[in-house]
Each structure stands twice: as C-alpha cells, then as structure tokens.
Amino acid sequence: MSTPLPPGWGGPATPQGGFSQSSQTGFNQPVWVYAGFWWRLWAFVIDSIILSIFNGVLAFFLLPTFRVDWEETPIPDASGQTMDVVDIANFQPDTISVLIPHIHAGNWHGPSLLLALVPALYFILFESSVYRATPGKRLCNLEVVTTQGERLSLGRAAARFAIKALISFPFLYIGVIIIAFTQHKQALHDLLTNTLVVRAEKSQTVTFKR
C-alpha cells in the first residue's frame, strides 16, 4: 500500500497532465515541496530591493538633467521693459513683474523605456537560466520549473512575466493571493503557463513500497 505524501508535496505531472502523488508503488519518484505564499513573498521583496538599487544607479547615469530657467514678464505699463528681482522692492505692487519658470530636459524617452524593461529582463533571464531562479528566489532556496520539472524556456518565462505584470498584480493582487488556496501553491501566472515554484532544498527522491 502506498504512503500518502504530506500536504504541499507532489511530483512531476503525468503525460495526461495530472500530478503524480503516490498512486504507484515499488519505484523511486521525485518529490517536490511547493513554495508557499510567504516564501514567495520574501523572495519577491528581496528581488524588489535588488531591482530598486540597480535601477536607481542606472537612472543616475542615464536620465537627463533637468534645468529651470526663469523668465520675467514685462512691467505692466506697455513699455516692454523688464526688471531685476533685486529691484522689486523699488516698485509699486501694480508694476512688479512676474517670474515664469521654464523647465528644460533632454531626451528621457529612451532611458525611461530601458528602465522599464529592466524588471522584465531580470525575471525572464534569471528564471530561464540554469539557476532556474532570480537572486531573491535563490536566496530563499526556491526554483521555478515546468510541471514536468524542466527548466523554463525563454518564451515560457516571458509569458509568465507578462501575465504576472499585466493580470496577476494589477487586479488587486488576486492572481498572487490564490497561491495560498491552490493545490500546488500556484499563482495565476503559474496556472496559465504550467509552471511551479518549489523549495529547492526540500526536493528529493522517495521510494514507494507496497
């Protein structure tokens, strides 16, 4: 008789798409411990701190410098003259000119687009790499894998990030909160891309016997 796995444990998906838990006996089966909501939250916090520091340094060098020029309006006597700020006290209130600020900045569209792409490249490249995890996930001993236990392709990692950024996060984080309630601790972007986040240091192989 097979030994049931503890809650939160599981194995690779079967060819039919279901998850192999402990229905077979007398063989070695890889077993995963799914990463829960809080582990994934701490990993995301670490990644956010890393990204904030990196983007802050990058923005310092890439974003243009803003310059403010002040222009004085003519004195309201139709003379077309202007006056210095230091001379304002010598005029009556009805003859004081007004300073108008003019803000000048260089090209900021390109740098802003690059800064917006950094988080996408960060998650996509790291999660599809041999590490199978971002630095934040790696520090928490988490890995992102397919439901077959395989490394993510660039396309799957990109789709996962796009769904997370455009659906899971914007709509009241519901796509993320469901991690606490799904059987395999999957967020919406995991369910739609057939991926899992597992505890790397807990994954192991167990033997089931009759």
C-alpha atoms as a PDB file:
ATOM      1  CA  MET A   1       0.000   0.000   0.000  1.00  0.00           C
ATOM      2  CA  SER A   2       1.463   3.401  -0.986  1.00  0.00           C
ATOM      3  CA  THR A   3       2.369   6.024   1.554  1.00  0.00           C
ATOM      4  CA  PRO A   4       0.489   9.307   1.006  1.00  0.00           C
ATOM      5  CA  LEU A   5       2.585  12.413   0.622  1.00  0.00           C
ATOM      6  CA  PRO A   6       2.229  15.233   3.170  1.00  0.00           C
ATOM      7  CA  PRO A   7       0.156  18.302   2.215  1.00  0.00           C
ATOM      8  CA  GLY A   8       2.123  20.655  -0.017  1.00  0.00           C
ATOM      9  CA  TRP A   9       4.187  17.817  -1.509  1.00  0.00           C
ATOM     10  CA  GLY A  10       3.944  16.438  -5.022  1.00  0.00           C
ATOM     11  CA  GLY A  11       5.775  15.224  -8.079  1.00  0.00           C
ATOM     12  CA  PRO A  12       6.075  15.895 -11.814  1.00  0.00           C
ATOM     13  CA  ALA A  13       2.961  15.886 -13.937  1.00  0.00           C
ATOM     14  CA  THR A  14       1.986  12.691 -15.687  1.00  0.00           C
ATOM     15  CA  PRO A  15       1.760  12.663 -19.520  1.00  0.00           C
ATOM     16  CA  GLN A  16      -2.011  13.135 -19.184  1.00  0.00           C
ATOM     17  CA  GLY A  17      -1.432  16.403 -17.339  1.00  0.00           C
ATOM     18  CA  GLY A  18      -2.309  15.264 -13.821  1.00  0.00           C
ATOM     19  CA  PHE A  19       0.085  15.281 -10.895  1.00  0.00           C
ATOM     20  CA  SER A  20       1.618  12.033  -9.738  1.00  0.00           C
ATOM     21  CA  GLN A  21       1.276  11.919  -5.970  1.00  0.00           C
ATOM     22  CA  SER A  22       1.668   8.383  -4.687  1.00  0.00           C
ATOM     23  CA  SER A  23      -0.641   6.280  -6.826  1.00  0.00           C
ATOM     24  CA  GLN A  24       2.151   3.954  -7.940  1.00  0.00           C
ATOM     25  CA  THR A  25       4.240   1.694  -5.734  1.00  0.00           C
ATOM     26  CA  GLY A  26       7.575  -0.035  -5.739  1.00  0.00           C
ATOM     27  CA  PHE A  27       9.547   2.709  -7.535  1.00  0.00           C
ATOM     28  CA  ASN A  28      11.580   5.833  -6.900  1.00  0.00           C
ATOM     29  CA  GLN A  29       9.673   9.038  -7.509  1.00  0.00           C
ATOM     30  CA  PRO A  30      10.973  12.642  -7.387  1.00  0.00           C
ATOM     31  CA  VAL A  31       9.071  14.636  -4.808  1.00  0.00           C
ATOM     32  CA  TRP A  32       8.769  18.396  -4.553  1.00  0.00           C
ATOM     33  CA  VAL A  33       7.766  20.687  -1.726  1.00  0.00           C
ATOM     34  CA  TYR A  34       5.765  23.536  -3.219  1.00  0.00           C
ATOM     35  CA  ALA A  35       6.805  27.048  -2.184  1.00  0.00           C
ATOM     36  CA  GLY A  36       4.026  28.691  -0.203  1.00  0.00           C
ATOM     37  CA  PHE A  37       2.782  32.274  -0.251  1.00  0.00           C
ATOM     38  CA  TRP A  38       5.136  33.664   2.409  1.00  0.00           C
ATOM     39  CA  TRP A  39       8.316  32.149   0.970  1.00  0.00           C
ATOM     40  CA  ARG A  40       7.448  33.596  -2.419  1.00  0.00           C
ATOM     41  CA  LEU A  41       6.647  36.973  -0.852  1.00  0.00           C
ATOM     42  CA  TRP A  42      10.060  37.203   0.874  1.00  0.00           C
ATOM     43  CA  ALA A  43      11.773  36.249  -2.376  1.00  0.00           C
ATOM     44  CA  PHE A  44       9.844  38.994  -4.207  1.00  0.00           C
ATOM     45  CA  VAL A  45      10.802  41.563  -1.541  1.00  0.00           C
ATOM     46  CA  ILE A  46      14.491  40.700  -1.972  1.00  0.00           C
ATOM     47  CA  ASP A  47      14.198  40.931  -5.762  1.00  0.00           C
ATOM     48  CA  SER A  48      12.408  44.289  -5.452  1.00  0.00           C
ATOM     49  CA  ILE A  49      15.216  45.690  -3.284  1.00  0.00           C
ATOM     50  CA  ILE A  50      17.855  44.488  -5.762  1.00  0.00           C
ATOM     51  CA  LEU A  51      15.933  45.973  -8.698  1.00  0.00           C
ATOM     52  CA  SER A  52      15.380  49.288  -6.892  1.00  0.00           C
ATOM     53  CA  ILE A  53      19.100  49.680  -6.178  1.00  0.00           C
ATOM     54  CA  PHE A  54      20.096  48.703  -9.715  1.00  0.00           C
ATOM     55  CA  ASN A  55      17.508  50.979 -11.348  1.00  0.00           C
ATOM     56  CA  GLY A  56      18.460  53.835  -9.042  1.00  0.00           C
ATOM     57  CA  VAL A  57      22.118  53.628 -10.061  1.00  0.00           C
ATOM     58  CA  LEU A  58      21.186  53.210 -13.731  1.00  0.00           C
ATOM     59  CA  ALA A  59      18.824  56.180 -13.618  1.00  0.00           C
ATOM     60  CA  PHE A  60      21.550  58.371 -12.105  1.00  0.00           C
ATOM     61  CA  PHE A  61      23.694  57.856 -15.207  1.00  0.00           C
ATOM     62  CA  LEU A  62      21.004  57.599 -17.899  1.00  0.00           C
ATOM     63  CA  LEU A  63      18.216  60.035 -17.068  1.00  0.00           C
ATOM     64  CA  PRO A  64      18.704  63.601 -18.375  1.00  0.00           C
ATOM     65  CA  THR A  65      19.432  66.573 -16.159  1.00  0.00           C
ATOM     66  CA  PHE A  66      16.545  68.956 -15.621  1.00  0.00           C
ATOM     67  CA  ARG A  67      17.241  72.695 -15.848  1.00  0.00           C
ATOM     68  CA  VAL A  68      14.918  75.505 -14.791  1.00  0.00           C
ATOM     69  CA  ASP A  69      15.180  78.917 -16.459  1.00  0.00           C
ATOM     70  CA  TRP A  70      13.267  81.879 -15.033  1.00  0.00           C
ATOM     71  CA  GLU A  71      11.828  84.476 -17.386  1.00  0.00           C
ATOM     72  CA  GLU A  72      10.418  87.782 -16.245  1.00  0.00           C
ATOM     73  CA  THR A  73       7.228  89.154 -17.753  1.00  0.00           C
ATOM     74  CA  PRO A  74       7.270  92.807 -18.926  1.00  0.00           C
ATOM     75  CA  ILE A  75       6.341  95.542 -16.490  1.00  0.00           C
ATOM     76  CA  PRO A  76       2.592  96.144 -16.975  1.00  0.00           C
ATOM     77  CA  ASP A  77       2.980  99.681 -18.367  1.00  0.00           C
ATOM     78  CA  ALA A  78       3.236  98.641 -22.031  1.00  0.00           C
ATOM     79  CA  SER A  79       6.855  99.796 -22.085  1.00  0.00           C
ATOM     80  CA  GLY A  80       8.197  96.321 -22.750  1.00  0.00           C
ATOM     81  CA  GLN A  81      10.851  96.747 -20.057  1.00  0.00           C
ATOM     82  CA  THR A  82      11.806  94.076 -17.539  1.00  0.00           C
ATOM     83  CA  MET A  83      13.330  94.377 -14.121  1.00  0.00           C
ATOM     84  CA  ASP A  84      15.714  92.515 -11.890  1.00  0.00           C
ATOM     85  CA  VAL A  85      14.431  90.623  -8.879  1.00  0.00           C
ATOM     86  CA  VAL A  86      16.553  92.749  -6.558  1.00  0.00           C
ATOM     87  CA  ASP A  87      14.703  95.851  -7.778  1.00  0.00           C
ATOM     88  CA  ILE A  88      11.221  94.566  -6.957  1.00  0.00           C
ATOM     89  CA  ALA A  89      11.122  96.465  -3.661  1.00  0.00           C
ATOM     90  CA  ASN A  90      11.613  99.769  -5.507  1.00  0.00           C
ATOM     91  CA  PHE A  91       8.378  99.396  -7.491  1.00  0.00           C
ATOM     92  CA  GLN A  92       4.760  99.711  -6.592  1.00  0.00           C
ATOM     93  CA  PRO A  93       2.767  96.445  -6.397  1.00  0.00           C
ATOM     94  CA  ASP A  94       1.000  97.193  -9.669  1.00  0.00           C
ATOM     95  CA  THR A  95       4.304  97.440 -11.539  1.00  0.00           C
ATOM     96  CA  ILE A  96       6.045  94.268 -10.248  1.00  0.00           C
ATOM     97  CA  SER A  97       6.973  91.759 -12.950  1.00  0.00           C
ATOM     98  CA  VAL A  98       6.258  88.058 -12.566  1.00  0.00           C
ATOM     99  CA  LEU A  99       8.858  85.301 -12.857  1.00  0.00           C
ATOM    100  CA  ILE A 100       7.783  82.406 -15.110  1.00  0.00           C
ATOM    101  CA  PRO A 101       9.702  79.088 -14.772  1.00  0.00           C
ATOM    102  CA  HIS A 102      10.672  77.170 -17.905  1.00  0.00           C
ATOM    103  CA  ILE A 103      11.781  73.565 -17.369  1.00  0.00           C
ATOM    104  CA  HIS A 104      14.236  72.094 -19.858  1.00  0.00           C
ATOM    105  CA  ALA A 105      15.144  68.405 -20.068  1.00  0.00           C
ATOM    106  CA  GLY A 106      16.969  66.244 -22.533  1.00  0.00           C
ATOM    107  CA  ASN A 107      15.679  63.075 -24.172  1.00  0.00           C
ATOM    108  CA  TRP A 108      14.150  60.915 -21.429  1.00  0.00           C
ATOM    109  CA  HIS A 109      12.020  58.516 -23.525  1.00  0.00           C
ATOM    110  CA  GLY A 110      14.833  56.084 -24.326  1.00  0.00           C
ATOM    111  CA  PRO A 111      16.242  55.860 -20.782  1.00  0.00           C
ATOM    112  CA  SER A 112      12.751  55.529 -19.292  1.00  0.00           C
ATOM    113  CA  LEU A 113      11.936  52.659 -21.640  1.00  0.00           C
ATOM    114  CA  LEU A 114      15.186  50.920 -20.721  1.00  0.00           C
ATOM    115  CA  LEU A 115      14.474  51.295 -17.011  1.00  0.00           C
ATOM    116  CA  ALA A 116      11.001  49.828 -17.543  1.00  0.00           C
ATOM    117  CA  LEU A 117      12.481  46.818 -19.364  1.00  0.00           C
ATOM    118  CA  VAL A 118      14.986  46.014 -16.616  1.00  0.00           C
ATOM    119  CA  PRO A 119      12.486  44.136 -14.366  1.00  0.00           C
ATOM    120  CA  ALA A 120      11.238  42.097 -17.340  1.00  0.00           C
ATOM    121  CA  LEU A 121      14.761  41.109 -18.381  1.00  0.00           C
ATOM    122  CA  TYR A 122      15.665  40.390 -14.761  1.00  0.00           C
ATOM    123  CA  PHE A 123      12.869  37.881 -14.167  1.00  0.00           C
ATOM    124  CA  ILE A 124      12.826  36.340 -17.644  1.00  0.00           C
ATOM    125  CA  LEU A 125      16.572  35.755 -17.979  1.00  0.00           C
ATOM    126  CA  PHE A 126      17.159  34.539 -14.441  1.00  0.00           C
ATOM    127  CA  GLU A 127      14.159  32.194 -14.305  1.00  0.00           C
ATOM    128  CA  SER A 128      15.029  30.637 -17.673  1.00  0.00           C
ATOM    129  CA  SER A 129      18.715  30.298 -16.779  1.00  0.00           C
ATOM    130  CA  VAL A 130      20.465  27.243 -15.359  1.00  0.00           C
ATOM    131  CA  TYR A 131      19.765  28.672 -11.885  1.00  0.00           C
ATOM    132  CA  ARG A 132      16.002  28.466 -12.529  1.00  0.00           C
ATOM    133  CA  ALA A 133      15.502  31.350 -10.133  1.00  0.00           C
ATOM    134  CA  THR A 134      16.046  35.046  -9.564  1.00  0.00           C
ATOM    135  CA  PRO A 135      18.593  36.033  -6.891  1.00  0.00           C
ATOM    136  CA  GLY A 136      15.731  36.579  -4.441  1.00  0.00           C
ATOM    137  CA  LYS A 137      14.316  33.113  -5.066  1.00  0.00           C
ATOM    138  CA  ARG A 138      17.787  31.587  -4.929  1.00  0.00           C
ATOM    139  CA  LEU A 139      18.441  33.167  -1.518  1.00  0.00           C
ATOM    140  CA  CYS A 140      15.167  31.613  -0.334  1.00  0.00           C
ATOM    141  CA  ASN A 141      16.098  28.277  -1.956  1.00  0.00           C
ATOM    142  CA  LEU A 142      13.248  28.406  -4.458  1.00  0.00           C
ATOM    143  CA  GLU A 143      13.191  27.312  -8.091  1.00  0.00           C
ATOM    144  CA  VAL A 144      10.784  27.891 -10.978  1.00  0.00           C
ATOM    145  CA  VAL A 145      10.165  24.766 -13.072  1.00  0.00           C
ATOM    146  CA  THR A 146       7.591  23.442 -15.504  1.00  0.00           C
ATOM    147  CA  THR A 147       5.017  20.938 -14.271  1.00  0.00           C
ATOM    148  CA  GLN A 148       7.322  18.272 -15.733  1.00  0.00           C
ATOM    149  CA  GLY A 149      10.204  19.530 -13.607  1.00  0.00           C
ATOM    150  CA  GLU A 150      12.063  21.017 -16.553  1.00  0.00           C
ATOM    151  CA  ARG A 151      13.856  24.321 -16.961  1.00  0.00           C
ATOM    152  CA  LEU A 152      11.736  27.177 -18.372  1.00  0.00           C
ATOM    153  CA  SER A 153      12.308  28.255 -21.954  1.00  0.00           C
ATOM    154  CA  LEU A 154      12.721  31.959 -22.711  1.00  0.00           C
ATOM    155  CA  GLY A 155       9.262  32.033 -24.275  1.00  0.00           C
ATOM    156  CA  ARG A 156       7.569  30.440 -21.277  1.00  0.00           C
ATOM    157  CA  ALA A 157       9.447  32.694 -18.847  1.00  0.00           C
ATOM    158  CA  ALA A 158       8.411  35.756 -20.893  1.00  0.00           C
ATOM    159  CA  ALA A 159       4.766  34.652 -20.955  1.00  0.00           C
ATOM    160  CA  ARG A 160       4.866  34.016 -17.204  1.00  0.00           C
ATOM    161  CA  PHE A 161       6.234  37.509 -16.514  1.00  0.00           C
ATOM    162  CA  ALA A 162       3.753  39.184 -18.882  1.00  0.00           C
ATOM    163  CA  ILE A 163       0.764  37.521 -17.198  1.00  0.00           C
ATOM    164  CA  LYS A 164       2.145  38.388 -13.767  1.00  0.00           C
ATOM    165  CA  ALA A 165       2.736  42.044 -14.675  1.00  0.00           C
ATOM    166  CA  LEU A 166      -0.493  42.619 -16.639  1.00  0.00           C
ATOM    167  CA  ILE A 167      -3.024  40.430 -14.801  1.00  0.00           C
ATOM    168  CA  SER A 168      -1.853  38.903 -11.517  1.00  0.00           C
ATOM    169  CA  PHE A 169      -0.586  42.150  -9.960  1.00  0.00           C
ATOM    170  CA  PRO A 170      -2.889  44.901 -11.311  1.00  0.00           C
ATOM    171  CA  PHE A 171      -6.215  43.280 -10.356  1.00  0.00           C
ATOM    172  CA  LEU A 172      -5.902  43.665  -6.582  1.00  0.00           C
ATOM    173  CA  TYR A 173      -3.160  41.012  -6.494  1.00  0.00           C
ATOM    174  CA  ILE A 174      -5.821  38.314  -6.704  1.00  0.00           C
ATOM    175  CA  GLY A 175      -3.666  36.322  -9.114  1.00  0.00           C
ATOM    176  CA  VAL A 176      -0.973  36.209  -6.437  1.00  0.00           C
ATOM    177  CA  ILE A 177      -3.179  35.707  -3.378  1.00  0.00           C
ATOM    178  CA  ILE A 178      -4.570  32.469  -4.815  1.00  0.00           C
ATOM    179  CA  ILE A 179      -1.177  30.872  -4.091  1.00  0.00           C
ATOM    180  CA  ALA A 180      -2.469  30.260  -0.576  1.00  0.00           C
ATOM    181  CA  PHE A 181      -5.518  28.375  -1.863  1.00  0.00           C
ATOM    182  CA  THR A 182      -4.415  26.351  -4.908  1.00  0.00           C
ATOM    183  CA  GLN A 183      -3.434  22.705  -4.513  1.00  0.00           C
ATOM    184  CA  HIS A 184       0.081  23.122  -5.844  1.00  0.00           C
ATOM    185  CA  LYS A 185       0.680  26.658  -4.491  1.00  0.00           C
ATOM    186  CA  GLN A 186       0.380  28.164  -7.959  1.00  0.00           C
ATOM    187  CA  ALA A 187      -0.323  31.791  -8.790  1.00  0.00           C
ATOM    188  CA  LEU A 188      -2.432  32.703 -11.801  1.00  0.00           C
ATOM    189  CA  HIS A 189       0.684  33.129 -13.950  1.00  0.00           C
ATOM    190  CA  ASP A 190       1.810  29.646 -12.885  1.00  0.00           C
ATOM    191  CA  LEU A 191      -1.534  28.065 -13.757  1.00  0.00           C
ATOM    192  CA  LEU A 192      -1.653  29.687 -17.196  1.00  0.00           C
ATOM    193  CA  THR A 193       1.931  28.756 -18.114  1.00  0.00           C
ATOM    194  CA  ASN A 194       2.089  25.313 -16.443  1.00  0.00           C
ATOM    195  CA  THR A 195       4.865  26.263 -14.041  1.00  0.00           C
ATOM    196  CA  LEU A 196       5.597  25.661 -10.371  1.00  0.00           C
ATOM    197  CA  VAL A 197       7.726  27.264  -7.682  1.00  0.00           C
ATOM    198  CA  VAL A 198       9.302  24.612  -5.453  1.00  0.00           C
ATOM    199  CA  ARG A 199      11.560  24.541  -2.417  1.00  0.00           C
ATOM    200  CA  ALA A 200      14.897  23.533  -3.906  1.00  0.00           C
ATOM    201  CA  GLU A 201      16.498  22.323  -0.669  1.00  0.00           C
ATOM    202  CA  LYS A 202      13.457  20.159   0.176  1.00  0.00           C
ATOM    203  CA  SER A 203      13.075  18.411  -3.182  1.00  0.00           C
ATOM    204  CA  GLN A 204      14.217  14.820  -3.042  1.00  0.00           C
ATOM    205  CA  THR A 205      13.526  11.306  -4.242  1.00  0.00           C
ATOM    206  CA  VAL A 206      11.487   8.879  -2.173  1.00  0.00           C
ATOM    207  CA  THR A 207      10.775   5.197  -2.606  1.00  0.00           C
ATOM    208  CA  PHE A 208       7.200   3.922  -2.521  1.00  0.00           C
ATOM    209  CA  LYS A 209       6.622   0.300  -1.475  1.00  0.00           C
ATOM    210  CA  ARG A 210       3.613  -1.987  -1.401  1.00  0.00           C
END
